[in-house]
Amino acid sequence: MSPYTKSFTRQLCINNKSTPCVDPSRNCEEYSGQSIPDSLYVDLNGKCVRIEKSQLRATLCFNDGCETTWARDEDSSLRTCFKDIPDLPNRWGWSNGPYSKKNFWPVTLQLYRSAGQCDITKGTLVGTSTITKSGEDFTVDIDIDSTYSICDDEIQVYIGNTETNMKKNKKTVAPGSFPCKGTPTLTCEWQNFDSNETDTVYILIHLNVSDA
């Protein structure tokens, strides 16, 4: 079977200009192998990247139908969209908190797939995540609706006292930089602070989800 015959929703963004798409979730359409152009812009974990048709075979985004999914607190006072956090690149997703390490537990967060610009009307609610605290550690449990599955059976988690993860003293929400990675049920340690000296906790959870 040709690697170009599968259709991909919310994955492809045509842009004839030399600059990449500002928001890969906008102006995106569904294409089949017959209509995929020679080059296009692809949403790879929230970043708009130009890719040639010849590279599609090696791009997981096109082969498995996986789409970016982030955890979101239903309470608007306990979440901040990445685009509203200074010094971050233009991408979607949420930093959840601040929570108190003494209160709030367990925390239950919604999981939204493909909600570009943090607009949940563009995305899909695919499940929930429950975070419980035990001593100085946290356990993260993912509950995905049966019509979806977690790609590679892996999630990436940041739990710390800063609004985002920090790398070389710079804010980052790149899931690959998150210190806690593993199966949909895992235990994570505190990050970026001495847990005995602060009461503030932020939570970022990322995973890729496909149709089951």
N, C-alpha and C. Protein backbone atom coordinates (compact mmCIF):
# COMPACT_ATOMS: atom_id res chain seq x y z
N MET A 1 0.85 -1.20 0.00
CA MET A 1 0.00 0.00 0.00
C MET A 1 0.88 1.24 0.00
N SER A 2 0.51 2.23 -0.78
CA SER A 2 1.26 3.48 -0.82
C SER A 2 1.18 4.18 0.53
N PRO A 3 2.28 4.80 1.01
CA PRO A 3 2.23 5.50 2.30
C PRO A 3 1.40 6.77 2.23
N TYR A 4 0.91 7.15 1.03
CA TYR A 4 0.19 8.40 0.89
C TYR A 4 -1.32 8.22 0.79
N THR A 5 -1.82 7.02 0.90
CA THR A 5 -3.24 6.79 0.64
C THR A 5 -4.12 7.01 1.86
N LYS A 6 -3.52 7.09 3.04
CA LYS A 6 -4.32 7.31 4.23
C LYS A 6 -4.70 8.79 4.35
N SER A 7 -5.87 9.08 4.90
CA SER A 7 -6.30 10.45 5.10
C SER A 7 -5.92 10.91 6.50
N PHE A 8 -5.62 12.20 6.64
CA PHE A 8 -5.16 12.72 7.91
C PHE A 8 -5.92 14.00 8.22
N THR A 9 -6.68 13.99 9.29
CA THR A 9 -7.42 15.17 9.68
C THR A 9 -6.61 15.97 10.70
N ARG A 10 -6.60 17.30 10.54
CA ARG A 10 -5.90 18.21 11.45
C ARG A 10 -4.39 17.98 11.46
N GLN A 11 -3.86 17.38 10.42
CA GLN A 11 -2.42 17.12 10.40
C GLN A 11 -1.71 17.96 9.34
N LEU A 12 -2.39 18.31 8.27
CA LEU A 12 -1.73 18.96 7.16
C LEU A 12 -2.19 20.40 7.03
N CYS A 13 -1.24 21.29 6.81
CA CYS A 13 -1.59 22.70 6.66
C CYS A 13 -0.85 23.26 5.46
N ILE A 14 -1.58 23.65 4.44
CA ILE A 14 -0.97 24.17 3.23
C ILE A 14 -0.60 25.64 3.45
N ASN A 15 0.58 26.00 3.03
CA ASN A 15 1.03 27.38 3.13
C ASN A 15 2.00 27.62 1.99
N ASN A 16 1.59 28.40 0.99
CA ASN A 16 2.42 28.64 -0.17
C ASN A 16 3.50 29.69 0.07
N LYS A 17 3.47 30.32 1.23
CA LYS A 17 4.47 31.32 1.55
C LYS A 17 5.73 30.65 2.10
N SER A 18 6.79 31.44 2.21
CA SER A 18 8.05 30.87 2.70
C SER A 18 8.07 30.72 4.21
N THR A 19 7.14 31.39 4.91
CA THR A 19 7.10 31.29 6.36
C THR A 19 6.15 30.18 6.78
N PRO A 20 6.44 29.49 7.89
CA PRO A 20 5.58 28.38 8.34
C PRO A 20 4.26 28.89 8.89
N CYS A 21 3.32 27.99 9.04
CA CYS A 21 2.02 28.34 9.60
C CYS A 21 2.19 28.82 11.03
N VAL A 22 1.50 29.88 11.37
CA VAL A 22 1.54 30.36 12.75
C VAL A 22 0.80 29.39 13.66
N ASP A 23 -0.32 28.89 13.19
CA ASP A 23 -1.12 27.94 13.95
C ASP A 23 -1.47 26.76 13.05
N PRO A 24 -0.80 25.61 13.22
CA PRO A 24 -1.03 24.47 12.34
C PRO A 24 -2.46 23.95 12.35
N SER A 25 -3.24 24.32 13.37
CA SER A 25 -4.60 23.82 13.44
C SER A 25 -5.55 24.63 12.57
N ARG A 26 -5.10 25.77 12.05
CA ARG A 26 -5.95 26.60 11.22
C ARG A 26 -5.74 26.27 9.74
N ASN A 27 -6.81 26.43 8.99
CA ASN A 27 -6.75 26.23 7.53
C ASN A 27 -6.22 24.84 7.17
N CYS A 28 -6.44 23.88 8.03
CA CYS A 28 -5.99 22.52 7.76
C CYS A 28 -7.13 21.73 7.14
N GLU A 29 -6.81 20.89 6.21
CA GLU A 29 -7.80 20.11 5.51
C GLU A 29 -7.40 18.65 5.48
N GLU A 30 -8.33 17.82 5.03
CA GLU A 30 -8.05 16.40 4.93
C GLU A 30 -7.66 16.08 3.48
N TYR A 31 -6.58 15.31 3.33
CA TYR A 31 -6.07 14.98 2.01
C TYR A 31 -5.92 13.48 1.84
N SER A 32 -6.05 13.03 0.63
CA SER A 32 -5.74 11.64 0.30
C SER A 32 -4.47 11.63 -0.51
N GLY A 33 -3.97 10.44 -0.82
CA GLY A 33 -2.71 10.34 -1.54
C GLY A 33 -2.70 11.06 -2.87
N GLN A 34 -3.86 11.10 -3.54
CA GLN A 34 -3.91 11.71 -4.86
C GLN A 34 -3.77 13.23 -4.79
N SER A 35 -4.09 13.83 -3.65
CA SER A 35 -4.11 15.29 -3.60
C SER A 35 -3.03 15.90 -2.72
N ILE A 36 -2.17 15.08 -2.10
CA ILE A 36 -1.10 15.63 -1.28
C ILE A 36 -0.11 16.36 -2.18
N PRO A 37 0.20 17.62 -1.91
CA PRO A 37 1.12 18.38 -2.75
C PRO A 37 2.57 17.95 -2.53
N ASP A 38 3.47 18.53 -3.32
CA ASP A 38 4.88 18.14 -3.23
C ASP A 38 5.51 18.53 -1.90
N SER A 39 5.06 19.62 -1.31
CA SER A 39 5.54 20.02 0.01
C SER A 39 4.38 20.63 0.78
N LEU A 40 4.43 20.52 2.10
CA LEU A 40 3.35 21.02 2.93
C LEU A 40 3.89 21.25 4.33
N TYR A 41 3.03 21.81 5.18
CA TYR A 41 3.41 22.05 6.57
C TYR A 41 2.65 21.08 7.46
N VAL A 42 3.37 20.48 8.38
CA VAL A 42 2.82 19.41 9.21
C VAL A 42 2.87 19.81 10.68
N ASP A 43 1.80 19.51 11.41
CA ASP A 43 1.77 19.75 12.85
C ASP A 43 2.48 18.59 13.54
N LEU A 44 3.71 18.83 13.98
CA LEU A 44 4.47 17.82 14.72
C LEU A 44 4.57 18.26 16.17
N ASN A 45 3.71 17.66 17.01
CA ASN A 45 3.68 18.00 18.44
C ASN A 45 3.53 19.49 18.67
N GLY A 46 2.65 20.12 17.90
CA GLY A 46 2.37 21.53 18.10
C GLY A 46 3.27 22.49 17.35
N LYS A 47 4.27 21.99 16.65
CA LYS A 47 5.18 22.84 15.90
C LYS A 47 4.95 22.64 14.41
N CYS A 48 4.85 23.74 13.69
CA CYS A 48 4.58 23.65 12.26
C CYS A 48 5.90 23.48 11.50
N VAL A 49 6.06 22.36 10.82
CA VAL A 49 7.31 22.02 10.16
C VAL A 49 7.05 21.72 8.69
N ARG A 50 7.90 22.26 7.81
CA ARG A 50 7.76 21.96 6.39
C ARG A 50 8.33 20.57 6.12
N ILE A 51 7.64 19.83 5.27
CA ILE A 51 8.10 18.48 4.96
C ILE A 51 7.79 18.18 3.49
N GLU A 52 8.71 17.46 2.85
CA GLU A 52 8.52 17.07 1.46
C GLU A 52 7.75 15.75 1.40
N LYS A 53 7.01 15.55 0.32
CA LYS A 53 6.23 14.33 0.18
C LYS A 53 7.10 13.09 0.29
N SER A 54 8.32 13.18 -0.21
CA SER A 54 9.22 12.02 -0.18
C SER A 54 9.58 11.60 1.24
N GLN A 55 9.37 12.50 2.22
CA GLN A 55 9.71 12.20 3.60
C GLN A 55 8.55 11.60 4.39
N LEU A 56 7.38 11.51 3.79
CA LEU A 56 6.22 11.08 4.55
C LEU A 56 6.38 9.69 5.13
N ARG A 57 7.03 8.82 4.41
CA ARG A 57 7.16 7.44 4.87
C ARG A 57 7.86 7.38 6.23
N ALA A 58 8.79 8.30 6.47
CA ALA A 58 9.57 8.27 7.71
C ALA A 58 8.95 9.14 8.80
N THR A 59 7.79 9.71 8.56
CA THR A 59 7.20 10.62 9.52
C THR A 59 6.07 9.93 10.27
N LEU A 60 6.25 9.73 11.56
CA LEU A 60 5.24 9.02 12.35
C LEU A 60 3.90 9.72 12.28
N CYS A 61 3.94 11.02 12.17
CA CYS A 61 2.70 11.79 12.12
C CYS A 61 1.78 11.29 11.01
N PHE A 62 2.36 10.82 9.91
CA PHE A 62 1.56 10.38 8.79
C PHE A 62 1.27 8.88 8.80
N ASN A 63 2.01 8.15 9.59
CA ASN A 63 1.87 6.70 9.53
C ASN A 63 0.94 6.13 10.59
N ASP A 64 0.76 6.83 11.72
CA ASP A 64 -0.02 6.23 12.79
C ASP A 64 -1.26 7.02 13.20
N GLY A 65 -1.49 8.18 12.62
CA GLY A 65 -2.68 8.95 12.95
C GLY A 65 -2.66 9.53 14.35
N CYS A 66 -1.50 9.56 15.00
CA CYS A 66 -1.41 10.08 16.37
C CYS A 66 -1.53 11.60 16.37
N GLU A 67 -2.23 12.12 17.37
CA GLU A 67 -2.41 13.56 17.46
C GLU A 67 -2.09 14.03 18.88
N THR A 68 -1.54 15.26 18.95
CA THR A 68 -1.12 15.84 20.22
C THR A 68 -2.29 16.00 21.18
N THR A 69 -2.06 15.61 22.42
CA THR A 69 -3.09 15.69 23.47
C THR A 69 -2.47 16.26 24.73
N TRP A 70 -3.17 17.22 25.36
CA TRP A 70 -2.67 17.85 26.59
C TRP A 70 -3.73 17.78 27.68
N ALA A 71 -3.26 17.74 28.93
CA ALA A 71 -4.15 17.77 30.08
C ALA A 71 -4.58 19.21 30.35
N ARG A 72 -5.84 19.35 30.80
CA ARG A 72 -6.44 20.67 31.02
C ARG A 72 -7.33 20.64 32.25
N ASP A 73 -7.12 21.60 33.17
CA ASP A 73 -8.00 21.73 34.33
C ASP A 73 -9.28 22.42 33.88
N GLU A 74 -10.41 21.87 34.29
CA GLU A 74 -11.69 22.44 33.90
C GLU A 74 -11.91 23.81 34.52
N ASP A 75 -11.26 24.07 35.65
CA ASP A 75 -11.35 25.35 36.35
C ASP A 75 -10.41 26.36 35.67
N SER A 76 -10.97 27.41 35.08
CA SER A 76 -10.15 28.37 34.33
C SER A 76 -9.14 29.10 35.19
N SER A 77 -9.36 29.14 36.51
CA SER A 77 -8.40 29.81 37.40
C SER A 77 -7.19 28.92 37.70
N LEU A 78 -7.26 27.67 37.24
CA LEU A 78 -6.18 26.72 37.52
C LEU A 78 -5.55 26.19 36.24
N ARG A 79 -5.56 27.00 35.20
CA ARG A 79 -4.89 26.61 33.95
C ARG A 79 -4.46 27.87 33.20
N THR A 80 -3.39 27.73 32.42
CA THR A 80 -2.91 28.82 31.57
C THR A 80 -2.49 28.22 30.24
N CYS A 81 -3.04 28.76 29.16
CA CYS A 81 -2.64 28.30 27.84
C CYS A 81 -1.19 28.71 27.57
N PHE A 82 -0.45 27.86 26.90
CA PHE A 82 0.95 28.16 26.62
C PHE A 82 1.11 29.49 25.91
N LYS A 83 0.18 29.83 25.02
CA LYS A 83 0.32 31.07 24.26
C LYS A 83 0.20 32.31 25.14
N ASP A 84 -0.30 32.14 26.37
CA ASP A 84 -0.43 33.25 27.30
C ASP A 84 0.71 33.32 28.31
N ILE A 85 1.68 32.44 28.16
CA ILE A 85 2.85 32.43 29.05
C ILE A 85 4.01 33.11 28.32
N PRO A 86 4.57 34.19 28.87
CA PRO A 86 5.66 34.90 28.20
C PRO A 86 6.86 33.99 27.93
N ASP A 87 7.58 34.29 26.86
CA ASP A 87 8.84 33.63 26.52
C ASP A 87 8.68 32.18 26.08
N LEU A 88 7.49 31.83 25.60
CA LEU A 88 7.28 30.50 25.04
C LEU A 88 6.98 30.62 23.55
N PRO A 89 7.35 29.62 22.75
CA PRO A 89 6.98 29.64 21.33
C PRO A 89 5.47 29.51 21.18
N ASN A 90 4.97 29.89 20.02
CA ASN A 90 3.54 29.87 19.77
C ASN A 90 3.07 28.42 19.56
N ARG A 91 2.58 27.81 20.62
CA ARG A 91 2.06 26.45 20.53
C ARG A 91 0.94 26.30 21.55
N TRP A 92 0.13 25.28 21.39
CA TRP A 92 -1.00 25.13 22.28
C TRP A 92 -0.73 24.06 23.33
N GLY A 93 -1.55 24.09 24.38
CA GLY A 93 -1.41 23.18 25.51
C GLY A 93 -1.59 24.00 26.78
N TRP A 94 -1.60 23.34 27.93
CA TRP A 94 -1.89 24.04 29.18
C TRP A 94 -0.89 23.69 30.28
N SER A 95 -0.56 24.73 31.05
CA SER A 95 0.09 24.56 32.34
C SER A 95 -1.02 24.61 33.37
N ASN A 96 -1.12 23.59 34.21
CA ASN A 96 -2.22 23.49 35.18
C ASN A 96 -1.71 23.80 36.58
N GLY A 97 -2.44 24.65 37.28
CA GLY A 97 -2.06 25.09 38.61
C GLY A 97 -2.20 26.61 38.71
N PRO A 98 -1.72 27.20 39.81
CA PRO A 98 -0.98 26.51 40.87
C PRO A 98 -1.89 25.75 41.83
N TYR A 99 -1.40 24.57 42.24
CA TYR A 99 -2.04 23.79 43.28
C TYR A 99 -1.19 23.87 44.54
N SER A 100 -1.81 23.54 45.65
CA SER A 100 -1.07 23.44 46.90
C SER A 100 -0.65 21.99 47.12
N LYS A 101 0.58 21.79 47.53
CA LYS A 101 1.01 20.41 47.78
C LYS A 101 0.30 19.82 49.00
N LYS A 102 -0.35 20.69 49.80
CA LYS A 102 -1.05 20.21 50.98
C LYS A 102 -2.52 19.96 50.71
N ASN A 103 -3.05 20.59 49.65
CA ASN A 103 -4.47 20.48 49.36
C ASN A 103 -4.68 20.02 47.91
N PHE A 104 -5.91 20.02 47.46
CA PHE A 104 -6.29 19.76 46.07
C PHE A 104 -6.25 18.29 45.66
N TRP A 105 -5.58 17.43 46.40
CA TRP A 105 -5.35 16.07 45.91
C TRP A 105 -6.50 15.14 46.24
N PRO A 106 -6.86 14.28 45.32
CA PRO A 106 -6.29 14.12 43.98
C PRO A 106 -6.76 15.22 43.03
N VAL A 107 -5.98 15.43 41.96
CA VAL A 107 -6.34 16.38 40.91
C VAL A 107 -6.78 15.57 39.68
N THR A 108 -7.92 15.94 39.12
CA THR A 108 -8.40 15.29 37.90
C THR A 108 -8.40 16.32 36.77
N LEU A 109 -7.75 15.97 35.67
CA LEU A 109 -7.62 16.87 34.52
C LEU A 109 -8.26 16.24 33.29
N GLN A 110 -8.84 17.08 32.46
CA GLN A 110 -9.36 16.61 31.18
C GLN A 110 -8.21 16.41 30.19
N LEU A 111 -8.39 15.54 29.21
CA LEU A 111 -7.40 15.31 28.17
C LEU A 111 -8.02 15.69 26.83
N TYR A 112 -7.47 16.75 26.21
CA TYR A 112 -7.99 17.24 24.93
C TYR A 112 -6.99 17.00 23.81
N ARG A 113 -7.50 16.43 22.73
CA ARG A 113 -6.69 16.15 21.55
C ARG A 113 -6.94 17.22 20.48
N SER A 114 -5.85 17.73 19.88
CA SER A 114 -5.92 18.62 18.72
C SER A 114 -6.74 19.88 18.98
N ALA A 115 -6.61 20.46 20.16
CA ALA A 115 -7.34 21.69 20.50
C ALA A 115 -6.44 22.90 20.23
N GLY A 116 -6.18 23.18 18.96
CA GLY A 116 -5.28 24.26 18.57
C GLY A 116 -5.64 25.59 19.21
N GLN A 117 -4.59 26.34 19.63
CA GLN A 117 -4.76 27.63 20.30
C GLN A 117 -5.56 27.49 21.60
N CYS A 118 -5.59 26.27 22.15
CA CYS A 118 -6.30 25.98 23.39
C CYS A 118 -7.82 26.17 23.25
N ASP A 119 -8.30 26.13 22.03
CA ASP A 119 -9.73 26.23 21.76
C ASP A 119 -10.31 24.81 21.73
N ILE A 120 -10.99 24.44 22.81
CA ILE A 120 -11.46 23.05 22.91
C ILE A 120 -12.58 22.74 21.92
N THR A 121 -13.19 23.77 21.32
CA THR A 121 -14.19 23.50 20.30
C THR A 121 -13.54 22.95 19.03
N LYS A 122 -12.23 23.12 18.89
CA LYS A 122 -11.50 22.57 17.75
C LYS A 122 -11.05 21.14 18.02
N GLY A 123 -11.03 20.77 19.29
CA GLY A 123 -10.46 19.48 19.67
C GLY A 123 -11.50 18.48 20.13
N THR A 124 -10.98 17.42 20.76
CA THR A 124 -11.83 16.31 21.23
C THR A 124 -11.42 15.93 22.64
N LEU A 125 -12.41 15.81 23.52
CA LEU A 125 -12.17 15.31 24.87
C LEU A 125 -12.02 13.80 24.78
N VAL A 126 -10.83 13.27 25.07
CA VAL A 126 -10.58 11.84 24.86
C VAL A 126 -10.42 11.06 26.17
N GLY A 127 -10.43 11.75 27.31
CA GLY A 127 -10.28 11.03 28.57
C GLY A 127 -9.92 11.97 29.70
N THR A 128 -9.45 11.40 30.78
CA THR A 128 -9.05 12.17 31.95
C THR A 128 -7.74 11.64 32.52
N SER A 129 -7.12 12.48 33.34
CA SER A 129 -5.91 12.07 34.06
C SER A 129 -6.12 12.40 35.54
N THR A 130 -5.79 11.46 36.39
CA THR A 130 -5.91 11.68 37.83
C THR A 130 -4.53 11.63 38.46
N ILE A 131 -4.21 12.68 39.22
CA ILE A 131 -2.89 12.78 39.85
C ILE A 131 -3.08 12.71 41.36
N THR A 132 -2.47 11.74 41.99
CA THR A 132 -2.54 11.59 43.44
C THR A 132 -1.16 11.80 44.04
N LYS A 133 -1.13 12.25 45.28
CA LYS A 133 0.12 12.55 45.96
C LYS A 133 0.34 11.54 47.08
N SER A 134 1.56 11.00 47.13
CA SER A 134 1.94 10.07 48.19
C SER A 134 3.32 10.48 48.70
N GLY A 135 3.33 11.10 49.88
CA GLY A 135 4.60 11.61 50.39
C GLY A 135 5.11 12.71 49.49
N GLU A 136 6.31 12.53 48.96
CA GLU A 136 6.90 13.53 48.07
C GLU A 136 6.80 13.11 46.60
N ASP A 137 6.05 12.07 46.30
CA ASP A 137 5.88 11.60 44.92
C ASP A 137 4.43 11.76 44.47
N PHE A 138 4.25 11.71 43.15
CA PHE A 138 2.92 11.79 42.55
C PHE A 138 2.71 10.58 41.65
N THR A 139 1.50 10.06 41.66
CA THR A 139 1.13 8.99 40.74
C THR A 139 0.16 9.56 39.72
N VAL A 140 0.46 9.32 38.44
CA VAL A 140 -0.36 9.83 37.34
C VAL A 140 -1.05 8.64 36.67
N ASP A 141 -2.38 8.67 36.64
CA ASP A 141 -3.17 7.62 35.99
C ASP A 141 -3.94 8.23 34.83
N ILE A 142 -3.85 7.59 33.67
CA ILE A 142 -4.54 8.05 32.47
C ILE A 142 -5.71 7.13 32.17
N ASP A 143 -6.88 7.73 31.94
CA ASP A 143 -8.07 6.97 31.58
C ASP A 143 -8.57 7.48 30.23
N ILE A 144 -8.33 6.70 29.18
CA ILE A 144 -8.70 7.09 27.83
C ILE A 144 -9.98 6.38 27.41
N ASP A 145 -10.86 7.12 26.75
CA ASP A 145 -12.09 6.52 26.22
C ASP A 145 -11.75 5.34 25.32
N SER A 146 -12.59 4.34 25.32
CA SER A 146 -12.31 3.10 24.59
C SER A 146 -12.22 3.28 23.08
N THR A 147 -12.70 4.42 22.57
CA THR A 147 -12.63 4.65 21.12
C THR A 147 -11.28 5.23 20.70
N TYR A 148 -10.38 5.44 21.67
CA TYR A 148 -9.06 5.99 21.39
C TYR A 148 -7.98 5.11 22.01
N SER A 149 -6.75 5.31 21.59
CA SER A 149 -5.63 4.59 22.19
C SER A 149 -4.43 5.53 22.30
N ILE A 150 -3.55 5.24 23.25
CA ILE A 150 -2.36 6.05 23.48
C ILE A 150 -1.22 5.54 22.61
N CYS A 151 -0.68 6.41 21.79
CA CYS A 151 0.40 6.02 20.88
C CYS A 151 1.65 5.66 21.67
N ASP A 152 2.27 4.56 21.30
CA ASP A 152 3.50 4.08 21.94
C ASP A 152 3.33 3.80 23.42
N ASP A 153 2.09 3.88 23.92
CA ASP A 153 1.80 3.58 25.32
C ASP A 153 2.68 4.40 26.26
N GLU A 154 2.92 5.67 25.90
CA GLU A 154 3.80 6.53 26.71
C GLU A 154 3.18 7.90 26.92
N ILE A 155 3.39 8.45 28.14
CA ILE A 155 3.01 9.82 28.44
C ILE A 155 4.24 10.56 28.95
N GLN A 156 4.22 11.90 28.85
CA GLN A 156 5.30 12.73 29.34
C GLN A 156 4.71 13.71 30.36
N VAL A 157 5.35 13.81 31.52
CA VAL A 157 4.78 14.57 32.63
C VAL A 157 5.84 15.50 33.23
N TYR A 158 5.39 16.72 33.53
CA TYR A 158 6.19 17.65 34.34
C TYR A 158 5.36 18.03 35.56
N ILE A 159 5.93 17.91 36.76
CA ILE A 159 5.31 18.38 38.00
C ILE A 159 6.38 19.14 38.77
N GLY A 160 6.16 20.44 38.97
CA GLY A 160 7.18 21.25 39.64
C GLY A 160 6.62 22.57 40.13
N ASN A 161 7.51 23.41 40.65
CA ASN A 161 7.03 24.67 41.23
C ASN A 161 7.08 25.83 40.24
N THR A 162 7.62 25.60 39.04
CA THR A 162 7.60 26.63 38.00
C THR A 162 6.48 26.32 37.01
N GLU A 163 5.99 27.35 36.36
CA GLU A 163 4.81 27.21 35.50
C GLU A 163 5.03 26.25 34.35
N THR A 164 6.30 26.11 33.93
CA THR A 164 6.67 25.15 32.89
C THR A 164 7.96 24.47 33.32
N ASN A 165 8.36 23.48 32.56
CA ASN A 165 9.67 22.90 32.78
C ASN A 165 10.73 23.95 32.43
N MET A 166 11.92 23.81 33.03
CA MET A 166 13.02 24.72 32.76
C MET A 166 14.20 23.93 32.21
N LYS A 167 14.79 24.43 31.14
CA LYS A 167 15.98 23.82 30.56
C LYS A 167 16.99 24.91 30.26
N LYS A 168 18.15 24.82 30.88
CA LYS A 168 19.18 25.85 30.76
C LYS A 168 18.62 27.23 31.10
N ASN A 169 17.84 27.26 32.17
CA ASN A 169 17.24 28.48 32.70
C ASN A 169 16.23 29.12 31.76
N LYS A 170 15.69 28.35 30.82
CA LYS A 170 14.68 28.85 29.91
C LYS A 170 13.42 28.00 30.02
N LYS A 171 12.27 28.64 29.86
CA LYS A 171 11.01 27.91 29.90
C LYS A 171 10.89 27.01 28.67
N THR A 172 10.37 25.82 28.88
CA THR A 172 10.13 24.92 27.76
C THR A 172 8.91 24.05 28.04
N VAL A 173 8.12 23.83 27.01
CA VAL A 173 6.97 22.91 27.11
C VAL A 173 7.14 21.77 26.10
N ALA A 174 8.34 21.58 25.60
CA ALA A 174 8.61 20.47 24.69
C ALA A 174 8.48 19.17 25.47
N PRO A 175 7.55 18.29 25.10
CA PRO A 175 7.32 17.06 25.87
C PRO A 175 8.58 16.21 26.04
N GLY A 176 9.47 16.24 25.05
CA GLY A 176 10.68 15.46 25.17
C GLY A 176 11.59 15.89 26.29
N SER A 177 11.40 17.12 26.77
CA SER A 177 12.23 17.63 27.87
C SER A 177 11.66 17.30 29.24
N PHE A 178 10.42 16.80 29.27
CA PHE A 178 9.80 16.53 30.56
C PHE A 178 10.53 15.40 31.28
N PRO A 179 10.76 15.56 32.58
CA PRO A 179 11.61 14.61 33.31
C PRO A 179 10.95 13.27 33.62
N CYS A 180 9.63 13.21 33.54
CA CYS A 180 8.94 11.97 33.92
C CYS A 180 8.24 11.40 32.69
N LYS A 181 8.64 10.22 32.27
CA LYS A 181 8.07 9.59 31.08
C LYS A 181 7.81 8.12 31.38
N GLY A 182 6.76 7.59 30.78
CA GLY A 182 6.50 6.18 30.99
C GLY A 182 5.12 5.77 30.56
N THR A 183 4.68 4.63 31.07
CA THR A 183 3.38 4.07 30.73
C THR A 183 2.27 4.93 31.33
N PRO A 184 1.01 4.73 30.91
CA PRO A 184 -0.10 5.57 31.38
C PRO A 184 -0.35 5.55 32.87
N THR A 185 0.33 4.72 33.64
CA THR A 185 0.32 4.82 35.10
C THR A 185 1.77 4.85 35.55
N LEU A 186 2.20 6.00 36.11
CA LEU A 186 3.59 6.11 36.52
C LEU A 186 3.72 7.03 37.71
N THR A 187 4.86 6.94 38.40
CA THR A 187 5.15 7.77 39.56
C THR A 187 6.20 8.81 39.17
N CYS A 188 5.92 10.07 39.53
CA CYS A 188 6.81 11.17 39.18
C CYS A 188 7.30 11.88 40.43
N GLU A 189 8.53 12.37 40.36
CA GLU A 189 9.10 13.13 41.47
C GLU A 189 8.93 14.63 41.22
N TRP A 190 9.08 15.41 42.32
CA TRP A 190 9.05 16.86 42.20
C TRP A 190 10.20 17.33 41.32
N GLN A 191 10.02 18.46 40.64
CA GLN A 191 11.07 19.02 39.80
C GLN A 191 11.29 20.50 40.10
N ASN A 192 12.54 20.93 39.93
CA ASN A 192 12.93 22.34 39.96
C ASN A 192 12.82 23.01 41.32
N PHE A 193 12.65 22.24 42.39
CA PHE A 193 12.60 22.90 43.68
C PHE A 193 12.75 21.89 44.82
N ASP A 194 13.09 22.42 46.00
CA ASP A 194 13.08 21.65 47.23
C ASP A 194 11.64 21.63 47.73
N SER A 195 11.02 20.46 47.71
CA SER A 195 9.59 20.37 48.04
C SER A 195 9.29 20.82 49.46
N ASN A 196 10.29 20.90 50.31
CA ASN A 196 10.06 21.35 51.69
C ASN A 196 10.00 22.86 51.80
N GLU A 197 10.34 23.58 50.72
CA GLU A 197 10.43 25.03 50.79
C GLU A 197 9.37 25.75 49.99
N THR A 198 8.48 25.05 49.34
CA THR A 198 7.44 25.70 48.56
C THR A 198 6.15 24.89 48.62
N ASP A 199 5.05 25.60 48.45
CA ASP A 199 3.73 24.94 48.50
C ASP A 199 3.05 24.96 47.14
N THR A 200 3.75 25.46 46.11
CA THR A 200 3.15 25.65 44.80
C THR A 200 3.51 24.51 43.86
N VAL A 201 2.49 23.98 43.17
CA VAL A 201 2.70 22.87 42.26
C VAL A 201 2.00 23.16 40.92
N TYR A 202 2.73 22.92 39.82
CA TYR A 202 2.16 23.01 38.47
C TYR A 202 2.28 21.64 37.81
N ILE A 203 1.33 21.33 36.92
CA ILE A 203 1.29 20.03 36.26
C ILE A 203 1.10 20.20 34.76
N LEU A 204 1.98 19.57 33.98
CA LEU A 204 1.83 19.50 32.53
C LEU A 204 1.88 18.04 32.12
N ILE A 205 0.89 17.59 31.35
CA ILE A 205 0.85 16.20 30.91
C ILE A 205 0.60 16.17 29.40
N HIS A 206 1.46 15.46 28.69
CA HIS A 206 1.33 15.34 27.24
C HIS A 206 1.30 13.89 26.84
N LEU A 207 0.54 13.57 25.80
CA LEU A 207 0.54 12.25 25.18
C LEU A 207 0.05 12.40 23.76
N ASN A 208 0.28 11.39 22.95
CA ASN A 208 -0.26 11.34 21.60
C ASN A 208 -1.36 10.29 21.55
N VAL A 209 -2.48 10.64 20.96
CA VAL A 209 -3.65 9.76 20.96
C VAL A 209 -4.13 9.56 19.52
N SER A 210 -4.49 8.33 19.23
CA SER A 210 -5.05 8.00 17.92
C SER A 210 -6.40 7.32 18.10
N ASP A 211 -7.15 7.22 17.02
CA ASP A 211 -8.37 6.44 17.08
C ASP A 211 -8.02 4.98 17.32
N ALA A 212 -8.83 4.30 18.10
CA ALA A 212 -8.54 2.89 18.42
C ALA A 212 -8.71 2.02 17.19
